[in-house]
Amino acid sequence: HAITSVRAVENALGMEVPVNAQLIR
């Protein structure tokens, strides 16, 4: 739920996420 929630907000803002962050998640 933590990861899905931040993805929802990032999608709303059209954000990019650093690759390291993606891999850690």
mmCIF file of all heavy atoms, coordinates in Angstrom:
data_MODEL
# 
_entry.id   MODEL 
# 
loop_
_atom_site.group_PDB 
_atom_site.id 
_atom_site.type_symbol 
_atom_site.label_atom_id 
_atom_site.label_alt_id 
_atom_site.label_comp_id 
_atom_site.label_asym_id 
_atom_site.label_entity_id 
_atom_site.label_seq_id 
_atom_site.pdbx_PDB_ins_code 
_atom_site.Cartn_x 
_atom_site.Cartn_y 
_atom_site.Cartn_z 
_atom_site.occupancy 
_atom_site.B_iso_or_equiv 
_atom_site.pdbx_formal_charge 
_atom_site.auth_seq_id 
_atom_site.auth_comp_id 
_atom_site.auth_asym_id 
_atom_site.auth_atom_id 
_atom_site.pdbx_PDB_model_num 
ATOM 1   N N   . HIS A 1 1  ? 0.825  -1.207 0.000   1.00 0.00 ? 1  HIS A N   1 
ATOM 2   C CA  . HIS A 1 1  ? 0.000  0.000  0.000   1.00 0.00 ? 1  HIS A CA  1 
ATOM 3   C C   . HIS A 1 1  ? 0.860  1.258  0.000   1.00 0.00 ? 1  HIS A C   1 
ATOM 4   O O   . HIS A 1 1  ? 0.489  2.272  -0.606  1.00 0.00 ? 1  HIS A O   1 
ATOM 5   C CB  . HIS A 1 1  ? -0.953 -0.009 1.191   1.00 0.00 ? 1  HIS A CB  1 
ATOM 6   C CG  . HIS A 1 1  ? -2.040 -1.020 1.068   1.00 0.00 ? 1  HIS A CG  1 
ATOM 7   N ND1 . HIS A 1 1  ? -3.011 -0.956 0.095   1.00 0.00 ? 1  HIS A ND1 1 
ATOM 8   C CD2 . HIS A 1 1  ? -2.301 -2.150 1.782   1.00 0.00 ? 1  HIS A CD2 1 
ATOM 9   C CE1 . HIS A 1 1  ? -3.836 -1.983 0.220   1.00 0.00 ? 1  HIS A CE1 1 
ATOM 10  N NE2 . HIS A 1 1  ? -3.420 -2.725 1.230   1.00 0.00 ? 1  HIS A NE2 1 
ATOM 11  N N   . ALA A 1 2  ? 1.991  1.224  0.691   1.00 0.00 ? 2  ALA A N   1 
ATOM 12  C CA  . ALA A 1 2  ? 2.889  2.379  0.682   1.00 0.00 ? 2  ALA A CA  1 
ATOM 13  C C   . ALA A 1 2  ? 3.366  2.675  -0.731  1.00 0.00 ? 2  ALA A C   1 
ATOM 14  O O   . ALA A 1 2  ? 3.308  3.817  -1.212  1.00 0.00 ? 2  ALA A O   1 
ATOM 15  C CB  . ALA A 1 2  ? 4.078  2.124  1.609   1.00 0.00 ? 2  ALA A CB  1 
ATOM 16  N N   . ILE A 1 3  ? 3.841  1.639  -1.427  1.00 0.00 ? 3  ILE A N   1 
ATOM 17  C CA  . ILE A 1 3  ? 4.386  1.823  -2.773  1.00 0.00 ? 3  ILE A CA  1 
ATOM 18  C C   . ILE A 1 3  ? 3.296  2.202  -3.768  1.00 0.00 ? 3  ILE A C   1 
ATOM 19  O O   . ILE A 1 3  ? 3.474  3.088  -4.609  1.00 0.00 ? 3  ILE A O   1 
ATOM 20  C CB  . ILE A 1 3  ? 5.136  0.548  -3.212  1.00 0.00 ? 3  ILE A CB  1 
ATOM 21  C CG1 . ILE A 1 3  ? 6.421  0.397  -2.379  1.00 0.00 ? 3  ILE A CG1 1 
ATOM 22  C CG2 . ILE A 1 3  ? 5.466  0.586  -4.701  1.00 0.00 ? 3  ILE A CG2 1 
ATOM 23  C CD1 . ILE A 1 3  ? 7.159  -0.914 -2.587  1.00 0.00 ? 3  ILE A CD1 1 
ATOM 24  N N   . THR A 1 4  ? 2.126  1.559  -3.675  1.00 0.00 ? 4  THR A N   1 
ATOM 25  C CA  . THR A 1 4  ? 1.041  1.873  -4.609  1.00 0.00 ? 4  THR A CA  1 
ATOM 26  C C   . THR A 1 4  ? 0.520  3.281  -4.397  1.00 0.00 ? 4  THR A C   1 
ATOM 27  O O   . THR A 1 4  ? 0.164  3.984  -5.356  1.00 0.00 ? 4  THR A O   1 
ATOM 28  C CB  . THR A 1 4  ? -0.099 0.850  -4.450  1.00 0.00 ? 4  THR A CB  1 
ATOM 29  O OG1 . THR A 1 4  ? 0.428  -0.468 -4.542  1.00 0.00 ? 4  THR A OG1 1 
ATOM 30  C CG2 . THR A 1 4  ? -1.150 1.047  -5.538  1.00 0.00 ? 4  THR A CG2 1 
ATOM 31  N N   . SER A 1 5  ? 0.485  3.733  -3.149  1.00 0.00 ? 5  SER A N   1 
ATOM 32  C CA  . SER A 1 5  ? 0.006  5.077  -2.856  1.00 0.00 ? 5  SER A CA  1 
ATOM 33  C C   . SER A 1 5  ? 0.913  6.148  -3.449  1.00 0.00 ? 5  SER A C   1 
ATOM 34  O O   . SER A 1 5  ? 0.430  7.104  -4.079  1.00 0.00 ? 5  SER A O   1 
ATOM 35  C CB  . SER A 1 5  ? -0.112 5.265  -1.341  1.00 0.00 ? 5  SER A CB  1 
ATOM 36  O OG  . SER A 1 5  ? -0.592 6.556  -1.032  1.00 0.00 ? 5  SER A OG  1 
ATOM 37  N N   . VAL A 1 6  ? 2.226  6.010  -3.254  1.00 0.00 ? 6  VAL A N   1 
ATOM 38  C CA  . VAL A 1 6  ? 3.113  7.028  -3.820  1.00 0.00 ? 6  VAL A CA  1 
ATOM 39  C C   . VAL A 1 6  ? 3.091  6.983  -5.343  1.00 0.00 ? 6  VAL A C   1 
ATOM 40  O O   . VAL A 1 6  ? 3.211  8.019  -6.012  1.00 0.00 ? 6  VAL A O   1 
ATOM 41  C CB  . VAL A 1 6  ? 4.563  6.897  -3.294  1.00 0.00 ? 6  VAL A CB  1 
ATOM 42  C CG1 . VAL A 1 6  ? 4.608  7.178  -1.804  1.00 0.00 ? 6  VAL A CG1 1 
ATOM 43  C CG2 . VAL A 1 6  ? 5.181  5.554  -3.610  1.00 0.00 ? 6  VAL A CG2 1 
ATOM 44  N N   . ARG A 1 7  ? 2.889  5.802  -5.917  1.00 0.00 ? 7  ARG A N   1 
ATOM 45  C CA  . ARG A 1 7  ? 2.769  5.711  -7.379  1.00 0.00 ? 7  ARG A CA  1 
ATOM 46  C C   . ARG A 1 7  ? 1.540  6.471  -7.868  1.00 0.00 ? 7  ARG A C   1 
ATOM 47  O O   . ARG A 1 7  ? 1.564  7.088  -8.936  1.00 0.00 ? 7  ARG A O   1 
ATOM 48  C CB  . ARG A 1 7  ? 2.686  4.239  -7.810  1.00 0.00 ? 7  ARG A CB  1 
ATOM 49  C CG  . ARG A 1 7  ? 4.011  3.488  -7.741  1.00 0.00 ? 7  ARG A CG  1 
ATOM 50  C CD  . ARG A 1 7  ? 3.837  2.021  -8.119  1.00 0.00 ? 7  ARG A CD  1 
ATOM 51  N NE  . ARG A 1 7  ? 5.118  1.323  -8.123  1.00 0.00 ? 7  ARG A NE  1 
ATOM 52  C CZ  . ARG A 1 7  ? 5.254  0.006  -8.280  1.00 0.00 ? 7  ARG A CZ  1 
ATOM 53  N NH1 . ARG A 1 7  ? 4.175  -0.754 -8.449  1.00 0.00 ? 7  ARG A NH1 1 
ATOM 54  N NH2 . ARG A 1 7  ? 6.452  -0.557 -8.276  1.00 0.00 ? 7  ARG A NH2 1 
ATOM 55  N N   . ALA A 1 8  ? 0.443  6.401  -7.107  1.00 0.00 ? 8  ALA A N   1 
ATOM 56  C CA  . ALA A 1 8  ? -0.782 7.109  -7.510  1.00 0.00 ? 8  ALA A CA  1 
ATOM 57  C C   . ALA A 1 8  ? -0.556 8.612  -7.540  1.00 0.00 ? 8  ALA A C   1 
ATOM 58  O O   . ALA A 1 8  ? -0.970 9.302  -8.485  1.00 0.00 ? 8  ALA A O   1 
ATOM 59  C CB  . ALA A 1 8  ? -1.926 6.753  -6.555  1.00 0.00 ? 8  ALA A CB  1 
ATOM 60  N N   . VAL A 1 9  ? 0.085  9.148  -6.512  1.00 0.00 ? 9  VAL A N   1 
ATOM 61  C CA  . VAL A 1 9  ? 0.336  10.588 -6.460  1.00 0.00 ? 9  VAL A CA  1 
ATOM 62  C C   . VAL A 1 9  ? 1.345  10.990 -7.535  1.00 0.00 ? 9  VAL A C   1 
ATOM 63  O O   . VAL A 1 9  ? 1.194  12.031 -8.194  1.00 0.00 ? 9  VAL A O   1 
ATOM 64  C CB  . VAL A 1 9  ? 0.821  11.001 -5.057  1.00 0.00 ? 9  VAL A CB  1 
ATOM 65  C CG1 . VAL A 1 9  ? 1.117  12.492 -5.009  1.00 0.00 ? 9  VAL A CG1 1 
ATOM 66  C CG2 . VAL A 1 9  ? -0.231 10.646 -4.005  1.00 0.00 ? 9  VAL A CG2 1 
ATOM 67  N N   . GLU A 1 10 ? 2.371  10.178 -7.729  1.00 0.00 ? 10 GLU A N   1 
ATOM 68  C CA  . GLU A 1 10 ? 3.359  10.468 -8.779  1.00 0.00 ? 10 GLU A CA  1 
ATOM 69  C C   . GLU A 1 10 ? 2.715  10.474 -10.155 1.00 0.00 ? 10 GLU A C   1 
ATOM 70  O O   . GLU A 1 10 ? 3.035  11.308 -11.006 1.00 0.00 ? 10 GLU A O   1 
ATOM 71  C CB  . GLU A 1 10 ? 4.483  9.420  -8.726  1.00 0.00 ? 10 GLU A CB  1 
ATOM 72  C CG  . GLU A 1 10 ? 5.386  9.580  -7.511  1.00 0.00 ? 10 GLU A CG  1 
ATOM 73  C CD  . GLU A 1 10 ? 6.188  8.331  -7.178  1.00 0.00 ? 10 GLU A CD  1 
ATOM 74  O OE1 . GLU A 1 10 ? 5.990  7.287  -7.854  1.00 0.00 ? 10 GLU A OE1 1 
ATOM 75  O OE2 . GLU A 1 10 ? 6.994  8.372  -6.237  1.00 0.00 ? 10 GLU A OE2 1 
ATOM 76  N N   . ASN A 1 11 ? 1.771  9.564  -10.373 1.00 0.00 ? 11 ASN A N   1 
ATOM 77  C CA  . ASN A 1 11 ? 1.054  9.520  -11.645 1.00 0.00 ? 11 ASN A CA  1 
ATOM 78  C C   . ASN A 1 11 ? 0.216  10.773 -11.840 1.00 0.00 ? 11 ASN A C   1 
ATOM 79  O O   . ASN A 1 11 ? 0.164  11.347 -12.939 1.00 0.00 ? 11 ASN A O   1 
ATOM 80  C CB  . ASN A 1 11 ? 0.189  8.266  -11.694 1.00 0.00 ? 11 ASN A CB  1 
ATOM 81  C CG  . ASN A 1 11 ? -0.683 8.182  -12.933 1.00 0.00 ? 11 ASN A CG  1 
ATOM 82  O OD1 . ASN A 1 11 ? -1.880 8.441  -12.875 1.00 0.00 ? 11 ASN A OD1 1 
ATOM 83  N ND2 . ASN A 1 11 ? -0.086 7.828  -14.059 1.00 0.00 ? 11 ASN A ND2 1 
ATOM 84  N N   . ALA A 1 12 ? -0.428 11.242 -10.763 1.00 0.00 ? 12 ALA A N   1 
ATOM 85  C CA  . ALA A 1 12 ? -1.233 12.463 -10.851 1.00 0.00 ? 12 ALA A CA  1 
ATOM 86  C C   . ALA A 1 12 ? -0.381 13.668 -11.207 1.00 0.00 ? 12 ALA A C   1 
ATOM 87  O O   . ALA A 1 12 ? -0.819 14.572 -11.935 1.00 0.00 ? 12 ALA A O   1 
ATOM 88  C CB  . ALA A 1 12 ? -1.953 12.711 -9.522  1.00 0.00 ? 12 ALA A CB  1 
ATOM 89  N N   . LEU A 1 13 ? 0.865  13.698 -10.713 1.00 0.00 ? 13 LEU A N   1 
ATOM 90  C CA  . LEU A 1 13 ? 1.759  14.827 -10.947 1.00 0.00 ? 13 LEU A CA  1 
ATOM 91  C C   . LEU A 1 13 ? 2.619  14.653 -12.198 1.00 0.00 ? 13 LEU A C   1 
ATOM 92  O O   . LEU A 1 13 ? 3.381  15.561 -12.549 1.00 0.00 ? 13 LEU A O   1 
ATOM 93  C CB  . LEU A 1 13 ? 2.673  15.020 -9.732  1.00 0.00 ? 13 LEU A CB  1 
ATOM 94  C CG  . LEU A 1 13 ? 1.971  15.280 -8.393  1.00 0.00 ? 13 LEU A CG  1 
ATOM 95  C CD1 . LEU A 1 13 ? 3.001  15.422 -7.275  1.00 0.00 ? 13 LEU A CD1 1 
ATOM 96  C CD2 . LEU A 1 13 ? 1.100  16.521 -8.477  1.00 0.00 ? 13 LEU A CD2 1 
ATOM 97  N N   . GLY A 1 14 ? 2.515  13.493 -12.848 1.00 0.00 ? 14 GLY A N   1 
ATOM 98  C CA  . GLY A 1 14 ? 3.335  13.230 -14.038 1.00 0.00 ? 14 GLY A CA  1 
ATOM 99  C C   . GLY A 1 14 ? 4.815  13.166 -13.716 1.00 0.00 ? 14 GLY A C   1 
ATOM 100 O O   . GLY A 1 14 ? 5.652  13.592 -14.523 1.00 0.00 ? 14 GLY A O   1 
ATOM 101 N N   . MET A 1 15 ? 5.162  12.634 -12.550 1.00 0.00 ? 15 MET A N   1 
ATOM 102 C CA  . MET A 1 15 ? 6.538  12.641 -12.076 1.00 0.00 ? 15 MET A CA  1 
ATOM 103 C C   . MET A 1 15 ? 7.365  11.487 -12.617 1.00 0.00 ? 15 MET A C   1 
ATOM 104 O O   . MET A 1 15 ? 6.851  10.413 -12.917 1.00 0.00 ? 15 MET A O   1 
ATOM 105 C CB  . MET A 1 15 ? 6.572  12.557 -10.540 1.00 0.00 ? 15 MET A CB  1 
ATOM 106 C CG  . MET A 1 15 ? 6.084  13.783 -9.820  1.00 0.00 ? 15 MET A CG  1 
ATOM 107 S SD  . MET A 1 15 ? 6.418  13.609 -8.044  1.00 0.00 ? 15 MET A SD  1 
ATOM 108 C CE  . MET A 1 15 ? 8.225  13.645 -8.050  1.00 0.00 ? 15 MET A CE  1 
ATOM 109 N N   . GLU A 1 16 ? 8.655  11.723 -12.697 1.00 0.00 ? 16 GLU A N   1 
ATOM 110 C CA  . GLU A 1 16 ? 9.627  10.651 -12.904 1.00 0.00 ? 16 GLU A CA  1 
ATOM 111 C C   . GLU A 1 16 ? 10.267 10.297 -11.567 1.00 0.00 ? 16 GLU A C   1 
ATOM 112 O O   . GLU A 1 16 ? 10.379 11.136 -10.670 1.00 0.00 ? 16 GLU A O   1 
ATOM 113 C CB  . GLU A 1 16 ? 10.701 11.070 -13.908 1.00 0.00 ? 16 GLU A CB  1 
ATOM 114 C CG  . GLU A 1 16 ? 10.180 11.233 -15.320 1.00 0.00 ? 16 GLU A CG  1 
ATOM 115 C CD  . GLU A 1 16 ? 11.303 11.354 -16.356 1.00 0.00 ? 16 GLU A CD  1 
ATOM 116 O OE1 . GLU A 1 16 ? 12.406 10.810 -16.085 1.00 0.00 ? 16 GLU A OE1 1 
ATOM 117 O OE2 . GLU A 1 16 ? 11.076 11.972 -17.402 1.00 0.00 ? 16 GLU A OE2 1 
ATOM 118 N N   . VAL A 1 17 ? 10.677 9.041  -11.439 1.00 0.00 ? 17 VAL A N   1 
ATOM 119 C CA  . VAL A 1 17 ? 11.277 8.528  -10.204 1.00 0.00 ? 17 VAL A CA  1 
ATOM 120 C C   . VAL A 1 17 ? 12.669 8.003  -10.531 1.00 0.00 ? 17 VAL A C   1 
ATOM 121 O O   . VAL A 1 17 ? 12.820 7.239  -11.489 1.00 0.00 ? 17 VAL A O   1 
ATOM 122 C CB  . VAL A 1 17 ? 10.404 7.395  -9.605  1.00 0.00 ? 17 VAL A CB  1 
ATOM 123 C CG1 . VAL A 1 17 ? 11.051 6.800  -8.358  1.00 0.00 ? 17 VAL A CG1 1 
ATOM 124 C CG2 . VAL A 1 17 ? 9.016  7.912  -9.295  1.00 0.00 ? 17 VAL A CG2 1 
ATOM 125 N N   . PRO A 1 18 ? 13.695 8.402  -9.790  1.00 0.00 ? 18 PRO A N   1 
ATOM 126 C CA  . PRO A 1 18 ? 15.048 7.915  -10.075 1.00 0.00 ? 18 PRO A CA  1 
ATOM 127 C C   . PRO A 1 18 ? 15.107 6.383  -10.135 1.00 0.00 ? 18 PRO A C   1 
ATOM 128 O O   . PRO A 1 18 ? 14.414 5.692  -9.373  1.00 0.00 ? 18 PRO A O   1 
ATOM 129 C CB  . PRO A 1 18 ? 15.872 8.455  -8.901  1.00 0.00 ? 18 PRO A CB  1 
ATOM 130 C CG  . PRO A 1 18 ? 15.133 9.680  -8.463  1.00 0.00 ? 18 PRO A CG  1 
ATOM 131 C CD  . PRO A 1 18 ? 13.687 9.351  -8.656  1.00 0.00 ? 18 PRO A CD  1 
ATOM 132 N N   . VAL A 1 19 ? 15.947 5.876  -11.035 1.00 0.00 ? 19 VAL A N   1 
ATOM 133 C CA  . VAL A 1 19 ? 16.048 4.432  -11.227 1.00 0.00 ? 19 VAL A CA  1 
ATOM 134 C C   . VAL A 1 19 ? 16.450 3.724  -9.940  1.00 0.00 ? 19 VAL A C   1 
ATOM 135 O O   . VAL A 1 19 ? 15.938 2.646  -9.621  1.00 0.00 ? 19 VAL A O   1 
ATOM 136 C CB  . VAL A 1 19 ? 17.043 4.115  -12.366 1.00 0.00 ? 19 VAL A CB  1 
ATOM 137 C CG1 . VAL A 1 19 ? 17.318 2.617  -12.443 1.00 0.00 ? 19 VAL A CG1 1 
ATOM 138 C CG2 . VAL A 1 19 ? 16.494 4.616  -13.699 1.00 0.00 ? 19 VAL A CG2 1 
ATOM 139 N N   . ASN A 1 20 ? 17.372 4.318  -9.180  1.00 0.00 ? 20 ASN A N   1 
ATOM 140 C CA  . ASN A 1 20 ? 17.752 3.691  -7.905  1.00 0.00 ? 20 ASN A CA  1 
ATOM 141 C C   . ASN A 1 20 ? 16.547 3.518  -6.992  1.00 0.00 ? 20 ASN A C   1 
ATOM 142 O O   . ASN A 1 20 ? 16.411 2.495  -6.312  1.00 0.00 ? 20 ASN A O   1 
ATOM 143 C CB  . ASN A 1 20 ? 18.809 4.539  -7.188  1.00 0.00 ? 20 ASN A CB  1 
ATOM 144 C CG  . ASN A 1 20 ? 20.177 4.416  -7.795  1.00 0.00 ? 20 ASN A CG  1 
ATOM 145 O OD1 . ASN A 1 20 ? 20.548 3.356  -8.310  1.00 0.00 ? 20 ASN A OD1 1 
ATOM 146 N ND2 . ASN A 1 20 ? 20.953 5.493  -7.760  1.00 0.00 ? 20 ASN A ND2 1 
ATOM 147 N N   . ALA A 1 21 ? 15.680 4.521  -6.955  1.00 0.00 ? 21 ALA A N   1 
ATOM 148 C CA  . ALA A 1 21 ? 14.484 4.438  -6.112  1.00 0.00 ? 21 ALA A CA  1 
ATOM 149 C C   . ALA A 1 21 ? 13.556 3.333  -6.590  1.00 0.00 ? 21 ALA A C   1 
ATOM 150 O O   . ALA A 1 21 ? 12.978 2.585  -5.785  1.00 0.00 ? 21 ALA A O   1 
ATOM 151 C CB  . ALA A 1 21 ? 13.760 5.778  -6.094  1.00 0.00 ? 21 ALA A CB  1 
ATOM 152 N N   . GLN A 1 22 ? 13.405 3.229  -7.916  1.00 0.00 ? 22 GLN A N   1 
ATOM 153 C CA  . GLN A 1 22 ? 12.577 2.151  -8.461  1.00 0.00 ? 22 GLN A CA  1 
ATOM 154 C C   . GLN A 1 22 ? 13.126 0.792  -8.043  1.00 0.00 ? 22 GLN A C   1 
ATOM 155 O O   . GLN A 1 22 ? 12.369 -0.102 -7.618  1.00 0.00 ? 22 GLN A O   1 
ATOM 156 C CB  . GLN A 1 22 ? 12.539 2.234  -10.001 1.00 0.00 ? 22 GLN A CB  1 
ATOM 157 C CG  . GLN A 1 22 ? 11.945 3.507  -10.565 1.00 0.00 ? 22 GLN A CG  1 
ATOM 158 C CD  . GLN A 1 22 ? 10.419 3.529  -10.578 1.00 0.00 ? 22 GLN A CD  1 
ATOM 159 O OE1 . GLN A 1 22 ? 9.789  3.076  -9.621  1.00 0.00 ? 22 GLN A OE1 1 
ATOM 160 N NE2 . GLN A 1 22 ? 9.829  4.072  -11.628 1.00 0.00 ? 22 GLN A NE2 1 
ATOM 161 N N   . LEU A 1 23 ? 14.438 0.620  -8.144  1.00 0.00 ? 23 LEU A N   1 
ATOM 162 C CA  . LEU A 1 23 ? 15.050 -0.673 -7.841  1.00 0.00 ? 23 LEU A CA  1 
ATOM 163 C C   . LEU A 1 23 ? 14.969 -0.989 -6.344  1.00 0.00 ? 23 LEU A C   1 
ATOM 164 O O   . LEU A 1 23 ? 14.742 -2.137 -5.959  1.00 0.00 ? 23 LEU A O   1 
ATOM 165 C CB  . LEU A 1 23 ? 16.499 -0.689 -8.321  1.00 0.00 ? 23 LEU A CB  1 
ATOM 166 C CG  . LEU A 1 23 ? 16.676 -0.583 -9.842  1.00 0.00 ? 23 LEU A CG  1 
ATOM 167 C CD1 . LEU A 1 23 ? 18.152 -0.417 -10.204 1.00 0.00 ? 23 LEU A CD1 1 
ATOM 168 C CD2 . LEU A 1 23 ? 16.100 -1.811 -10.542 1.00 0.00 ? 23 LEU A CD2 1 
ATOM 169 N N   . ILE A 1 24 ? 15.155 0.015  -5.497  1.00 0.00 ? 24 ILE A N   1 
ATOM 170 C CA  . ILE A 1 24 ? 15.033 -0.207 -4.051  1.00 0.00 ? 24 ILE A CA  1 
ATOM 171 C C   . ILE A 1 24 ? 13.602 -0.605 -3.699  1.00 0.00 ? 24 ILE A C   1 
ATOM 172 O O   . ILE A 1 24 ? 13.368 -1.537 -2.925  1.00 0.00 ? 24 ILE A O   1 
ATOM 173 C CB  . ILE A 1 24 ? 15.469 1.050  -3.275  1.00 0.00 ? 24 ILE A CB  1 
ATOM 174 C CG1 . ILE A 1 24 ? 16.983 1.231  -3.382  1.00 0.00 ? 24 ILE A CG1 1 
ATOM 175 C CG2 . ILE A 1 24 ? 15.051 0.964  -1.809  1.00 0.00 ? 24 ILE A CG2 1 
ATOM 176 C CD1 . ILE A 1 24 ? 17.495 2.555  -2.846  1.00 0.00 ? 24 ILE A CD1 1 
ATOM 177 N N   . ARG A 1 25 ? 12.636 0.088  -4.284  1.00 0.00 ? 25 ARG A N   1 
ATOM 178 C CA  . ARG A 1 25 ? 11.234 -0.293 -4.068  1.00 0.00 ? 25 ARG A CA  1 
ATOM 179 C C   . ARG A 1 25 ? 10.989 -1.719 -4.552  1.00 0.00 ? 25 ARG A C   1 
ATOM 180 O O   . ARG A 1 25 ? 10.293 -2.506 -3.898  1.00 0.00 ? 25 ARG A O   1 
ATOM 181 C CB  . ARG A 1 25 ? 10.299 0.663  -4.810  1.00 0.00 ? 25 ARG A CB  1 
ATOM 182 C CG  . ARG A 1 25 ? 10.238 2.085  -4.279  1.00 0.00 ? 25 ARG A CG  1 
ATOM 183 C CD  . ARG A 1 25 ? 9.296  2.901  -5.156  1.00 0.00 ? 25 ARG A CD  1 
ATOM 184 N NE  . ARG A 1 25 ? 9.243  4.303  -4.789  1.00 0.00 ? 25 ARG A NE  1 
ATOM 185 C CZ  . ARG A 1 25 ? 8.496  5.206  -5.416  1.00 0.00 ? 25 ARG A CZ  1 
ATOM 186 N NH1 . ARG A 1 25 ? 7.739  4.835  -6.455  1.00 0.00 ? 25 ARG A NH1 1 
ATOM 187 N NH2 . ARG A 1 25 ? 8.494  6.477  -5.043  1.00 0.00 ? 25 ARG A NH2 1 
# 
